[in-house]
PDB file of N, CA and C in Angstrom:
ATOM      1  N   MET A   1     116.947 100.137 115.411  1.00  0.00           N
ATOM      2  CA  MET A   1     116.157  99.320 114.085  1.00  0.00           C
ATOM      3  C   MET A   1     115.843  98.003 114.917  1.00  0.00           C
ATOM      4  N   ASP A   2     114.394  97.613 114.440  1.00  0.00           N
ATOM      5  CA  ASP A   2     114.192  96.224 114.998  1.00  0.00           C
ATOM      6  C   ASP A   2     114.888  95.364 113.912  1.00  0.00           C
ATOM      7  N   GLY A   3     114.545  95.569 112.773  1.00  0.00           N
ATOM      8  CA  GLY A   3     115.186  94.542 111.895  1.00  0.00           C
ATOM      9  C   GLY A   3     114.627  94.718 110.022  1.00  0.00           C
ATOM     10  N   GLU A   4     114.364  94.269 109.570  1.00  0.00           N
ATOM     11  CA  GLU A   4     114.241  94.019 108.156  1.00  0.00           C
ATOM     12  C   GLU A   4     112.775  93.352 108.035  1.00  0.00           C
ATOM     13  N   ILE A   5     111.832  93.732 106.935  1.00  0.00           N
ATOM     14  CA  ILE A   5     110.706  93.274 106.555  1.00  0.00           C
ATOM     15  C   ILE A   5     110.625  92.872 105.383  1.00  0.00           C
ATOM     16  N   GLU A   6     110.269  91.603 104.823  1.00  0.00           N
ATOM     17  CA  GLU A   6     110.042  91.390 103.839  1.00  0.00           C
ATOM     18  C   GLU A   6     108.830  92.122 103.316  1.00  0.00           C
ATOM     19  N   PRO A   7     109.055  91.962 101.891  1.00  0.00           N
ATOM     20  CA  PRO A   7     108.034  92.595 100.855  1.00  0.00           C
ATOM     21  C   PRO A   7     106.932  92.354 100.924  1.00  0.00           C
ATOM     22  N   ASP A   8     106.672  90.451 100.898  1.00  0.00           N
ATOM     23  CA  ASP A   8     105.439  90.285 101.024  1.00  0.00           C
ATOM     24  C   ASP A   8     104.652  90.599 102.428  1.00  0.00           C
ATOM     25  N   ARG A   9     105.403  90.227 103.677  1.00  0.00           N
ATOM     26  CA  ARG A   9     104.991  90.376 104.624  1.00  0.00           C
ATOM     27  C   ARG A   9     104.494  91.983 104.807  1.00  0.00           C
ATOM     28  N   LEU A  10     105.229  93.209 104.228  1.00  0.00           N
ATOM     29  CA  LEU A  10     104.859  94.505 104.552  1.00  0.00           C
ATOM     30  C   LEU A  10     103.461  94.660 103.656  1.00  0.00           C
ATOM     31  N   GLU A  11     103.314  93.634 102.380  1.00  0.00           N
ATOM     32  CA  GLU A  11     102.221  94.150 101.721  1.00  0.00           C
ATOM     33  C   GLU A  11     101.019  93.521 102.135  1.00  0.00           C
ATOM     34  N   ALA A  12     101.082  92.256 103.325  1.00  0.00           N
ATOM     35  CA  ALA A  12      99.742  91.754 103.728  1.00  0.00           C
ATOM     36  C   ALA A  12      99.375  92.661 104.830  1.00  0.00           C
ATOM     37  N   LYS A  13     100.370  93.364 105.701  1.00  0.00           N
ATOM     38  CA  LYS A  13     100.061  94.159 106.816  1.00  0.00           C
ATOM     39  C   LYS A  13      99.433  95.639 106.244  1.00  0.00           C
ATOM     40  N   LEU A  14      99.808  96.086 105.272  1.00  0.00           N
ATOM     41  CA  LEU A  14      98.775  97.102 104.444  1.00  0.00           C
ATOM     42  C   LEU A  14      98.207  96.792 103.946  1.00  0.00           C
ATOM     43  N   ASP A  15      97.596  95.414 104.002  1.00  0.00           N
ATOM     44  CA  ASP A  15      96.179  94.934 103.563  1.00  0.00           C
ATOM     45  C   ASP A  15      95.478  94.701 104.681  1.00  0.00           C
ATOM     46  N   GLY A  16      95.846  94.976 105.863  1.00  0.00           N
ATOM     47  CA  GLY A  16      95.448  94.627 107.166  1.00  0.00           C
ATOM     48  C   GLY A  16      94.900  95.411 107.685  1.00  0.00           C
ATOM     49  N   ASP A  17      94.542  95.419 109.153  1.00  0.00           N
ATOM     50  CA  ASP A  17      93.981  96.807 110.166  1.00  0.00           C
ATOM     51  C   ASP A  17      94.981  97.398 110.862  1.00  0.00           C
ATOM     52  N   ASP A  18      96.425  96.925 110.904  1.00  0.00           N
ATOM     53  CA  ASP A  18      97.603  97.440 111.232  1.00  0.00           C
ATOM     54  C   ASP A  18      98.929  97.999 110.469  1.00  0.00           C
ATOM     55  N   ASP A  19      98.340  99.134 109.899  1.00  0.00           N
ATOM     56  CA  ASP A  19      99.174  99.505 109.025  1.00  0.00           C
ATOM     57  C   ASP A  19     100.475 100.030 109.513  1.00  0.00           C
ATOM     58  N   PRO A  20     101.417  99.913 109.056  1.00  0.00           N
ATOM     59  CA  PRO A  20     102.311 100.448 109.417  1.00  0.00           C
ATOM     60  C   PRO A  20     102.782 101.650 108.620  1.00  0.00           C
ATOM     61  N   LEU A  21     103.479 103.033 109.189  1.00  0.00           N
ATOM     62  CA  LEU A  21     103.821 104.026 108.457  1.00  0.00           C
ATOM     63  C   LEU A  21     104.731 103.881 107.650  1.00  0.00           C
ATOM     64  N   VAL A  22     104.702 103.704 106.103  1.00  0.00           N
ATOM     65  CA  VAL A  22     105.827 103.367 105.150  1.00  0.00           C
ATOM     66  C   VAL A  22     106.116 105.087 105.053  1.00  0.00           C
ATOM     67  N   VAL A  23     107.481 104.646 105.317  1.00  0.00           N
ATOM     68  CA  VAL A  23     108.406 106.275 105.330  1.00  0.00           C
ATOM     69  C   VAL A  23     109.756 106.091 103.873  1.00  0.00           C
ATOM     70  N   ASP A  24     108.972 106.659 102.659  1.00  0.00           N
ATOM     71  CA  ASP A  24     109.929 106.466 101.443  1.00  0.00           C
ATOM     72  C   ASP A  24     110.972 107.710 101.877  1.00  0.00           C
ATOM     73  N   ILE A  25     112.495 107.225 101.748  1.00  0.00           N
ATOM     74  CA  ILE A  25     113.551 107.913 101.821  1.00  0.00           C
ATOM     75  C   ILE A  25     114.372 108.715 100.518  1.00  0.00           C
ATOM     76  N   ARG A  26     113.930 108.609  99.660  1.00  0.00           N
ATOM     77  CA  ARG A  26     113.792 108.737  98.047  1.00  0.00           C
ATOM     78  C   ARG A  26     113.871 110.604  98.034  1.00  0.00           C
ATOM     79  N   ASN A  27     114.411 111.158  97.131  1.00  0.00           N
ATOM     80  CA  ASN A  27     114.387 112.559  96.916  1.00  0.00           C
ATOM     81  C   ASN A  27     112.798 112.808  96.197  1.00  0.00           C
ATOM     82  N   PRO A  28     112.205 113.620  96.484  1.00  0.00           N
ATOM     83  CA  PRO A  28     111.124 114.067  96.059  1.00  0.00           C
ATOM     84  C   PRO A  28     110.836 113.708  94.214  1.00  0.00           C
ATOM     85  N   PRO A  29     111.642 113.937  93.707  1.00  0.00           N
ATOM     86  CA  PRO A  29     111.235 113.294  92.180  1.00  0.00           C
ATOM     87  C   PRO A  29     110.907 112.068  92.139  1.00  0.00           C
ATOM     88  N   ALA A  30     111.870 111.148  92.484  1.00  0.00           N
ATOM     89  CA  ALA A  30     112.061 109.806  92.486  1.00  0.00           C
ATOM     90  C   ALA A  30     110.507 109.377  93.506  1.00  0.00           C
ATOM     91  N   PHE A  31     110.142 110.025  94.512  1.00  0.00           N
ATOM     92  CA  PHE A  31     109.198 109.720  94.917  1.00  0.00           C
ATOM     93  C   PHE A  31     108.142 109.844  94.024  1.00  0.00           C
ATOM     94  N   GLN A  32     107.799 110.841  93.536  1.00  0.00           N
ATOM     95  CA  GLN A  32     107.133 111.405  92.361  1.00  0.00           C
ATOM     96  C   GLN A  32     106.538 110.342  91.361  1.00  0.00           C
ATOM     97  N   GLN A  33     107.267 109.709  90.965  1.00  0.00           N
ATOM     98  CA  GLN A  33     107.669 108.528  89.845  1.00  0.00           C
ATOM     99  C   GLN A  33     106.971 107.526  90.194  1.00  0.00           C
ATOM    100  N   GLY A  34     106.909 107.040  91.360  1.00  0.00           N
ATOM    101  CA  GLY A  34     106.460 106.083  91.989  1.00  0.00           C
ATOM    102  C   GLY A  34     106.486 105.514  93.292  1.00  0.00           C
ATOM    103  N   HIS A  35     105.324 105.194  94.242  1.00  0.00           N
ATOM    104  CA  HIS A  35     105.408 104.869  95.625  1.00  0.00           C
ATOM    105  C   HIS A  35     104.561 103.904  95.799  1.00  0.00           C
ATOM    106  N   ILE A  36     105.308 103.288  96.927  1.00  0.00           N
ATOM    107  CA  ILE A  36     104.042 102.604  97.736  1.00  0.00           C
ATOM    108  C   ILE A  36     102.684 103.351  98.001  1.00  0.00           C
ATOM    109  N   PRO A  37     101.522 102.783  97.992  1.00  0.00           N
ATOM    110  CA  PRO A  37     100.353 103.662  98.126  1.00  0.00           C
ATOM    111  C   PRO A  37     100.615 104.059  99.746  1.00  0.00           C
ATOM    112  N   ASP A  38     100.197 105.342  99.851  1.00  0.00           N
ATOM    113  CA  ASP A  38      99.985 105.896 101.411  1.00  0.00           C
ATOM    114  C   ASP A  38     101.460 106.164 102.157  1.00  0.00           C
ATOM    115  N   SER A  39     102.101 105.587 101.093  1.00  0.00           N
ATOM    116  CA  SER A  39     103.387 106.240 102.364  1.00  0.00           C
ATOM    117  C   SER A  39     104.259 107.671 101.941  1.00  0.00           C
ATOM    118  N   VAL A  40     104.587 108.124 103.026  1.00  0.00           N
ATOM    119  CA  VAL A  40     105.023 109.589 103.063  1.00  0.00           C
ATOM    120  C   VAL A  40     106.454 109.782 102.765  1.00  0.00           C
ATOM    121  N   ASN A  41     106.724 110.922 102.430  1.00  0.00           N
ATOM    122  CA  ASN A  41     108.200 111.000 101.616  1.00  0.00           C
ATOM    123  C   ASN A  41     108.559 111.730 102.667  1.00  0.00           C
ATOM    124  N   VAL A  42     109.721 111.270 103.390  1.00  0.00           N
ATOM    125  CA  VAL A  42     110.765 111.998 104.323  1.00  0.00           C
ATOM    126  C   VAL A  42     112.049 111.782 103.431  1.00  0.00           C
ATOM    127  N   PRO A  43     112.786 112.806 102.496  1.00  0.00           N
ATOM    128  CA  PRO A  43     114.398 112.418 102.095  1.00  0.00           C
ATOM    129  C   PRO A  43     115.188 112.428 103.055  1.00  0.00           C
ATOM    130  N   LEU A  44     116.269 110.975 102.896  1.00  0.00           N
ATOM    131  CA  LEU A  44     117.036 110.682 103.969  1.00  0.00           C
ATOM    132  C   LEU A  44     117.713 112.507 104.054  1.00  0.00           C
ATOM    133  N   SER A  45     117.923 113.297 103.052  1.00  0.00           N
ATOM    134  CA  SER A  45     118.852 114.317 103.601  1.00  0.00           C
ATOM    135  C   SER A  45     118.115 115.352 104.522  1.00  0.00           C
ATOM    136  N   ARG A  46     116.691 114.589 104.805  1.00  0.00           N
ATOM    137  CA  ARG A  46     115.934 115.987 105.785  1.00  0.00           C
ATOM    138  C   ARG A  46     115.394 115.071 107.051  1.00  0.00           C
ATOM    139  N   LEU A  47     115.639 113.932 107.468  1.00  0.00           N
ATOM    140  CA  LEU A  47     114.746 112.915 108.096  1.00  0.00           C
ATOM    141  C   LEU A  47     115.570 113.552 109.718  1.00  0.00           C
ATOM    142  N   THR A  48     116.686 114.057 109.721  1.00  0.00           N
ATOM    143  CA  THR A  48     116.669 114.602 110.895  1.00  0.00           C
ATOM    144  C   THR A  48     116.178 115.091 111.650  1.00  0.00           C
ATOM    145  N   GLN A  49     115.672 116.361 110.311  1.00  0.00           N
ATOM    146  CA  GLN A  49     115.023 117.793 110.613  1.00  0.00           C
ATOM    147  C   GLN A  49     113.586 117.135 111.030  1.00  0.00           C
ATOM    148  N   ASP A  50     113.084 116.273 110.273  1.00  0.00           N
ATOM    149  CA  ASP A  50     111.916 115.677 109.918  1.00  0.00           C
ATOM    150  C   ASP A  50     111.411 115.046 110.671  1.00  0.00           C
ATOM    151  N   VAL A  51     111.798 114.378 111.470  1.00  0.00           N
ATOM    152  CA  VAL A  51     111.950 112.929 112.007  1.00  0.00           C
ATOM    153  C   VAL A  51     110.507 112.863 113.124  1.00  0.00           C
ATOM    154  N   ASP A  52     110.343 114.083 113.383  1.00  0.00           N
ATOM    155  CA  ASP A  52     108.863 114.396 114.371  1.00  0.00           C
ATOM    156  C   ASP A  52     107.976 113.707 113.474  1.00  0.00           C
ATOM    157  N   GLU A  53     107.509 113.891 112.120  1.00  0.00           N
ATOM    158  CA  GLU A  53     107.022 113.739 111.433  1.00  0.00           C
ATOM    159  C   GLU A  53     105.982 112.307 111.557  1.00  0.00           C
ATOM    160  N   VAL A  54     107.579 111.196 112.206  1.00  0.00           N
ATOM    161  CA  VAL A  54     107.035 109.862 112.337  1.00  0.00           C
ATOM    162  C   VAL A  54     107.163 109.444 113.510  1.00  0.00           C
ATOM    163  N   ALA A  55     107.272 110.364 114.367  1.00  0.00           N
ATOM    164  CA  ALA A  55     107.385 109.955 115.911  1.00  0.00           C
ATOM    165  C   ALA A  55     106.221 109.551 116.661  1.00  0.00           C
ATOM    166  N   ASP A  56     105.219 109.586 116.150  1.00  0.00           N
ATOM    167  CA  ASP A  56     103.799 109.042 117.083  1.00  0.00           C
ATOM    168  C   ASP A  56     103.562 107.945 116.293  1.00  0.00           C
ATOM    169  N   ALA A  57     103.999 107.176 115.018  1.00  0.00           N
ATOM    170  CA  ALA A  57     103.845 106.321 114.821  1.00  0.00           C
ATOM    171  C   ALA A  57     104.116 105.090 115.424  1.00  0.00           C
ATOM    172  N   ASP A  58     103.452 103.774 115.575  1.00  0.00           N
ATOM    173  CA  ASP A  58     103.414 102.401 116.643  1.00  0.00           C
ATOM    174  C   ASP A  58     104.688 101.870 115.739  1.00  0.00           C
ATOM    175  N   HIS A  59     104.791 101.901 114.156  1.00  0.00           N
ATOM    176  CA  HIS A  59     105.451 100.637 113.626  1.00  0.00           C
ATOM    177  C   HIS A  59     105.537 101.567 112.272  1.00  0.00           C
ATOM    178  N   VAL A  60     107.073 101.949 112.215  1.00  0.00           N
ATOM    179  CA  VAL A  60     107.533 102.417 110.620  1.00  0.00           C
ATOM    180  C   VAL A  60     108.416 101.473 109.834  1.00  0.00           C
ATOM    181  N   VAL A  61     108.182 101.531 108.501  1.00  0.00           N
ATOM    182  CA  VAL A  61     108.759 100.866 107.441  1.00  0.00           C
ATOM    183  C   VAL A  61     109.541 102.103 106.592  1.00  0.00           C
ATOM    184  N   THR A  62     110.672 101.939 106.643  1.00  0.00           N
ATOM    185  CA  THR A  62     111.849 102.608 105.843  1.00  0.00           C
ATOM    186  C   THR A  62     111.535 102.278 104.391  1.00  0.00           C
ATOM    187  N   VAL A  63     111.553 102.816 103.425  1.00  0.00           N
ATOM    188  CA  VAL A  63     111.627 102.561 101.975  1.00  0.00           C
ATOM    189  C   VAL A  63     112.726 103.208 101.036  1.00  0.00           C
ATOM    190  N   CYS A  64     113.789 102.401 100.577  1.00  0.00           N
ATOM    191  CA  CYS A  64     114.944 103.196  99.781  1.00  0.00           C
ATOM    192  C   CYS A  64     114.541 102.312  98.097  1.00  0.00           C
ATOM    193  N   PRO A  65     115.702 102.656  97.372  1.00  0.00           N
ATOM    194  CA  PRO A  65     115.137 101.615  96.054  1.00  0.00           C
ATOM    195  C   PRO A  65     115.926 100.091  96.341  1.00  0.00           C
ATOM    196  N   HIS A  66     117.089 100.017  96.795  1.00  0.00           N
ATOM    197  CA  HIS A  66     117.522  98.610  97.017  1.00  0.00           C
ATOM    198  C   HIS A  66     117.988  98.278  98.348  1.00  0.00           C
ATOM    199  N   GLY A  67     117.088  98.748  99.479  1.00  0.00           N
ATOM    200  CA  GLY A  67     117.413  98.448 100.880  1.00  0.00           C
ATOM    201  C   GLY A  67     118.520  98.966 101.676  1.00  0.00           C
ATOM    202  N   GLN A  68     119.437  99.630 101.107  1.00  0.00           N
ATOM    203  CA  GLN A  68     120.807  99.944 101.980  1.00  0.00           C
ATOM    204  C   GLN A  68     120.282 101.218 103.047  1.00  0.00           C
ATOM    205  N   ALA A  69     120.213 102.215 102.086  1.00  0.00           N
ATOM    206  CA  ALA A  69     120.111 103.455 102.666  1.00  0.00           C
ATOM    207  C   ALA A  69     118.584 103.637 103.531  1.00  0.00           C
ATOM    208  N   SER A  70     117.619 102.711 103.511  1.00  0.00           N
ATOM    209  CA  SER A  70     116.517 102.636 104.254  1.00  0.00           C
ATOM    210  C   SER A  70     116.963 101.767 105.770  1.00  0.00           C
ATOM    211  N   ILE A  71     118.049 101.118 105.644  1.00  0.00           N
ATOM    212  CA  ILE A  71     118.889 100.687 106.851  1.00  0.00           C
ATOM    213  C   ILE A  71     119.154 101.834 107.898  1.00  0.00           C
ATOM    214  N   LYS A  72     119.993 102.478 107.514  1.00  0.00           N
ATOM    215  CA  LYS A  72     120.453 103.786 108.123  1.00  0.00           C
ATOM    216  C   LYS A  72     119.440 104.784 108.230  1.00  0.00           C
ATOM    217  N   ALA A  73     118.384 105.022 107.688  1.00  0.00           N
ATOM    218  CA  ALA A  73     116.836 105.877 107.824  1.00  0.00           C
ATOM    219  C   ALA A  73     116.640 104.844 109.138  1.00  0.00           C
ATOM    220  N   ALA A  74     116.204 103.394 109.032  1.00  0.00           N
ATOM    221  CA  ALA A  74     115.413 102.797 110.572  1.00  0.00           C
ATOM    222  C   ALA A  74     116.698 103.156 111.589  1.00  0.00           C
ATOM    223  N   ARG A  75     117.541 103.183 111.517  1.00  0.00           N
ATOM    224  CA  ARG A  75     118.480 103.492 112.587  1.00  0.00           C
ATOM    225  C   ARG A  75     118.507 104.603 113.307  1.00  0.00           C
ATOM    226  N   LEU A  76     118.455 105.916 112.037  1.00  0.00           N
ATOM    227  CA  LEU A  76     118.465 107.161 112.814  1.00  0.00           C
ATOM    228  C   LEU A  76     116.919 106.779 113.659  1.00  0.00           C
ATOM    229  N   ILE A  77     115.563 106.677 113.007  1.00  0.00           N
ATOM    230  CA  ILE A  77     114.597 106.666 113.647  1.00  0.00           C
ATOM    231  C   ILE A  77     114.347 106.137 114.624  1.00  0.00           C
ATOM    232  N   ALA A  78     115.065 104.951 115.130  1.00  0.00           N
ATOM    233  CA  ALA A  78     115.184 104.293 116.110  1.00  0.00           C
ATOM    234  C   ALA A  78     115.789 104.672 117.203  1.00  0.00           C
ATOM    235  N   ALA A  79     116.658 105.568 117.052  1.00  0.00           N
ATOM    236  CA  ALA A  79     117.981 106.606 118.121  1.00  0.00           C
ATOM    237  C   ALA A  79     116.960 107.679 118.416  1.00  0.00           C
ATOM    238  N   TYR A  80     116.064 108.092 117.355  1.00  0.00           N
ATOM    239  CA  TYR A  80     115.429 109.301 118.208  1.00  0.00           C
ATOM    240  C   TYR A  80     114.668 109.209 119.552  1.00  0.00           C
ATOM    241  N   ASP A  81     115.272 110.213 120.495  1.00  0.00           N
ATOM    242  CA  ASP A  81     114.616 110.168 121.772  1.00  0.00           C
ATOM    243  C   ASP A  81     113.054 109.918 121.786  1.00  0.00           C
ATOM    244  N   GLY A  82     112.399 110.744 120.957  1.00  0.00           N
ATOM    245  CA  GLY A  82     110.905 110.558 120.963  1.00  0.00           C
ATOM    246  C   GLY A  82     110.165 109.595 120.293  1.00  0.00           C
ATOM    247  N   PHE A  83     110.865 109.003 119.795  1.00  0.00           N
ATOM    248  CA  PHE A  83     110.576 107.548 119.406  1.00  0.00           C
ATOM    249  C   PHE A  83     110.562 106.097 119.859  1.00  0.00           C
ATOM    250  N   ASP A  84     109.579 105.759 120.362  1.00  0.00           N
ATOM    251  CA  ASP A  84     109.316 104.623 120.809  1.00  0.00           C
ATOM    252  C   ASP A  84     108.882 103.145 120.414  1.00  0.00           C
ATOM    253  N   GLY A  85     108.435 103.253 119.161  1.00  0.00           N
ATOM    254  CA  GLY A  85     107.460 102.235 118.017  1.00  0.00           C
ATOM    255  C   GLY A  85     108.784 101.237 117.664  1.00  0.00           C
ATOM    256  N   ARG A  86     108.277 100.443 116.775  1.00  0.00           N
ATOM    257  CA  ARG A  86     109.012  99.586 116.066  1.00  0.00           C
ATOM    258  C   ARG A  86     109.470 100.010 114.729  1.00  0.00           C
ATOM    259  N   VAL A  87     110.570  99.992 114.508  1.00  0.00           N
ATOM    260  CA  VAL A  87     110.954 100.533 113.009  1.00  0.00           C
ATOM    261  C   VAL A  87     111.615  99.322 112.274  1.00  0.00           C
ATOM    262  N   ASP A  88     111.324  99.191 111.098  1.00  0.00           N
ATOM    263  CA  ASP A  88     112.002  98.199 110.256  1.00  0.00           C
ATOM    264  C   ASP A  88     112.214  98.911 108.814  1.00  0.00           C
ATOM    265  N   SER A  89     113.093  97.955 108.279  1.00  0.00           N
ATOM    266  CA  SER A  89     113.693  98.425 106.702  1.00  0.00           C
ATOM    267  C   SER A  89     113.001  97.632 105.704  1.00  0.00           C
ATOM    268  N   LEU A  90     112.605  97.903 105.089  1.00  0.00           N
ATOM    269  CA  LEU A  90     112.142  97.185 103.466  1.00  0.00           C
ATOM    270  C   LEU A  90     112.945  96.204 102.903  1.00  0.00           C
ATOM    271  N   HIS A  91     113.218  94.873 103.370  1.00  0.00           N
ATOM    272  CA  HIS A  91     114.028  94.002 102.946  1.00  0.00           C
ATOM    273  C   HIS A  91     114.379  94.101 100.973  1.00  0.00           C
ATOM    274  N   GLY A  92     115.866  94.692 100.513  1.00  0.00           N
ATOM    275  CA  GLY A  92     115.442  94.605  99.241  1.00  0.00           C
ATOM    276  C   GLY A  92     115.127  96.149  98.504  1.00  0.00           C
ATOM    277  N   GLY A  93     114.234  96.893  99.223  1.00  0.00           N
ATOM    278  CA  GLY A  93     113.800  98.217  98.793  1.00  0.00           C
ATOM    279  C   GLY A  93     112.784  97.709  97.608  1.00  0.00           C
ATOM    280  N   LEU A  94     112.657  99.076  96.892  1.00  0.00           N
ATOM    281  CA  LEU A  94     111.623  99.016  95.744  1.00  0.00           C
ATOM    282  C   LEU A  94     111.672  98.116  95.062  1.00  0.00           C
ATOM    283  N   THR A  95     113.193  97.664  94.798  1.00  0.00           N
ATOM    284  CA  THR A  95     113.981  96.479  93.748  1.00  0.00           C
ATOM    285  C   THR A  95     112.878  95.308  93.823  1.00  0.00           C
ATOM    286  N   ALA A  96     112.662  95.040  95.210  1.00  0.00           N
ATOM    287  CA  ALA A  96     111.713  93.474  95.667  1.00  0.00           C
ATOM    288  C   ALA A  96     110.515  93.594  95.854  1.00  0.00           C
ATOM    289  N   TRP A  97     110.000  95.019  95.553  1.00  0.00           N
ATOM    290  CA  TRP A  97     108.556  95.069  96.056  1.00  0.00           C
ATOM    291  C   TRP A  97     107.842  94.972  94.559  1.00  0.00           C
ATOM    292  N   ASP A  98     107.109  93.499  94.918  1.00  0.00           N
ATOM    293  CA  ASP A  98     106.295  93.155  93.467  1.00  0.00           C
ATOM    294  C   ASP A  98     104.641  93.717  93.738  1.00  0.00           C
ATOM    295  N   GLY A  99     104.627  94.763  95.009  1.00  0.00           N
ATOM    296  CA  GLY A  99     102.997  95.087  95.152  1.00  0.00           C
ATOM    297  C   GLY A  99     102.911  96.471  94.547  1.00  0.00           C
ATOM    298  N   PRO A 100     101.723  96.657  94.820  1.00  0.00           N
ATOM    299  CA  PRO A 100     101.260  98.023  93.992  1.00  0.00           C
ATOM    300  C   PRO A 100     101.878  99.302  94.295  1.00  0.00           C
ATOM    301  N   LEU A 101     101.875 100.270  93.247  1.00  0.00           N
ATOM    302  CA  LEU A 101     102.865 101.718  93.505  1.00  0.00           C
ATOM    303  C   LEU A 101     101.836 102.466  92.519  1.00  0.00           C
ATOM    304  N   ASP A 102     101.604 103.552  93.660  1.00  0.00           N
ATOM    305  CA  ASP A 102     100.921 104.544  93.344  1.00  0.00           C
ATOM    306  C   ASP A 102     101.836 105.429  91.914  1.00  0.00           C
ATOM    307  N   VAL A 103     101.689 105.881  90.943  1.00  0.00           N
ATOM    308  CA  VAL A 103     102.377 106.274  89.837  1.00  0.00           C
ATOM    309  C   VAL A 103     101.588 107.404  89.147  1.00  0.00           C
ATOM    310  N   PRO A 104     102.293 108.453  88.501  1.00  0.00           N
ATOM    311  CA  PRO A 104     101.624 109.538  88.288  1.00  0.00           C
ATOM    312  C   PRO A 104     100.951 108.855  86.656  1.00  0.00           C
ATOM    313  N   ALA A 105      99.764 109.572  86.736  1.00  0.00           N
ATOM    314  CA  ALA A 105      99.048 109.043  85.630  1.00  0.00           C
ATOM    315  C   ALA A 105      99.318 109.768  84.309  1.00  0.00           C
ATOM    316  N   ALA A 106      98.814 108.849  83.146  1.00  0.00           N
ATOM    317  CA  ALA A 106      99.662 109.401  81.889  1.00  0.00           C
ATOM    318  C   ALA A 106      99.819 111.134  81.402  1.00  0.00           C
ATOM    319  N   ASP A 107      98.436 111.622  82.248  1.00  0.00           N
ATOM    320  CA  ASP A 107      98.271 113.062  81.974  1.00  0.00           C
ATOM    321  C   ASP A 107      99.185 113.729  83.105  1.00  0.00           C
ATOM    322  N   GLY A 108     100.054 113.169  83.991  1.00  0.00           N
ATOM    323  CA  GLY A 108     100.188 114.116  84.759  1.00  0.00           C
ATOM    324  C   GLY A 108      99.736 114.110  85.810  1.00  0.00           C
ATOM    325  N   SER A 109      98.195 114.182  85.943  1.00  0.00           N
ATOM    326  CA  SER A 109      97.677 114.340  87.432  1.00  0.00           C
ATOM    327  C   SER A 109      97.860 113.206  88.310  1.00  0.00           C
ATOM    328  N   GLU A 110      96.715 112.939  89.284  1.00  0.00           N
ATOM    329  CA  GLU A 110      97.177 112.378  90.695  1.00  0.00           C
ATOM    330  C   GLU A 110      97.604 111.114  90.440  1.00  0.00           C
ATOM    331  N   ALA A 111      97.862 110.791  91.081  1.00  0.00           N
ATOM    332  CA  ALA A 111      98.805 109.229  90.770  1.00  0.00           C
ATOM    333  C   ALA A 111      97.657 107.953  90.997  1.00  0.00           C
ATOM    334  N   ASP A 112      97.650 107.189  90.139  1.00  0.00           N
ATOM    335  CA  ASP A 112      96.952 105.777  89.837  1.00  0.00           C
ATOM    336  C   ASP A 112      97.535 105.034  90.527  1.00  0.00           C
ATOM    337  N   SER A 113      96.741 103.818  91.127  1.00  0.00           N
ATOM    338  CA  SER A 113      97.588 102.870  91.851  1.00  0.00           C
ATOM    339  C   SER A 113      97.800 101.602  90.691  1.00  0.00           C
ATOM    340  N   VAL A 114      98.828 100.855  90.560  1.00  0.00           N
ATOM    341  CA  VAL A 114      99.085 100.234  89.977  1.00  0.00           C
ATOM    342  C   VAL A 114      99.831  98.936  90.124  1.00  0.00           C
ATOM    343  N   ALA A 115      99.428  97.753  89.662  1.00  0.00           N
ATOM    344  CA  ALA A 115     100.533  96.952  90.351  1.00  0.00           C
ATOM    345  C   ALA A 115     101.684  96.782  89.414  1.00  0.00           C
ATOM    346  N   ASP A 116     102.862  96.683  90.265  1.00  0.00           N
ATOM    347  CA  ASP A 116     104.044  96.864  89.834  1.00  0.00           C
ATOM    348  C   ASP A 116     104.805  95.635  89.404  1.00  0.00           C
ATOM    349  N   GLU A 117     105.694  95.405  88.487  1.00  0.00           N
ATOM    350  CA  GLU A 117     106.110  94.168  87.784  1.00  0.00           C
ATOM    351  C   GLU A 117     107.853  94.123  88.140  1.00  0.00           C
ATOM    352  N   GLY A 118     107.883  94.145  89.651  1.00  0.00           N
ATOM    353  CA  GLY A 118     109.101  93.828  90.159  1.00  0.00           C
ATOM    354  C   GLY A 118     110.295  94.861  89.830  1.00  0.00           C
ATOM    355  N   PRO A 119     111.285  94.143  88.930  1.00  0.00           N
ATOM    356  CA  PRO A 119     112.184  94.864  88.964  1.00  0.00           C
ATOM    357  C   PRO A 119     112.218  96.263  87.719  1.00  0.00           C
ATOM    358  N   GLU A 120     111.336  96.623  87.357  1.00  0.00           N
ATOM    359  CA  GLU A 120     111.029  97.954  86.207  1.00  0.00           C
ATOM    360  C   GLU A 120     110.265  98.959  87.382  1.00  0.00           C
ATOM    361  N   ALA A 121     110.496  98.662  88.672  1.00  0.00           N
ATOM    362  CA  ALA A 121     110.160 100.182  89.605  1.00  0.00           C
ATOM    363  C   ALA A 121     110.491 101.062  89.210  1.00  0.00           C
ATOM    364  N   PRO A 122     110.034 102.342  89.240  1.00  0.00           N
ATOM    365  CA  PRO A 122     110.711 103.743  89.231  1.00  0.00           C
ATOM    366  C   PRO A 122     111.114 104.107  90.368  1.00  0.00           C
ATOM    367  N   PHE A 123     112.432 104.475  89.979  1.00  0.00           N
ATOM    368  CA  PHE A 123     113.312 104.938  91.065  1.00  0.00           C
ATOM    369  C   PHE A 123     114.354 105.416  90.181  1.00  0.00           C
TER     370      PHE A 123
END
């Protein structure tokens, strides 16, 4: 693991040309409630089996509700033999994230991107 990335720095990177791969490690129902746009869902319980899904990325940012489990996930990815990129954990997790979230539409269809208002983030 290379370290932690602050939410505002991650948001700036996602708005730029050098997008990191955001890996949300929550369970699928929590992920479907709302997640950082374009993130992928690889639950922590499946990460060891599915680490190949992220092995080709140059930069991975792991995400969880409060930033603790994502540190463990980042360390696991960094220790993987087939991974040689940078891996960070989102400091403070989704609780600290003030950027947009993809959330289900009112009718339950495809997710809509909306601005989040911090601690009310769904997880």
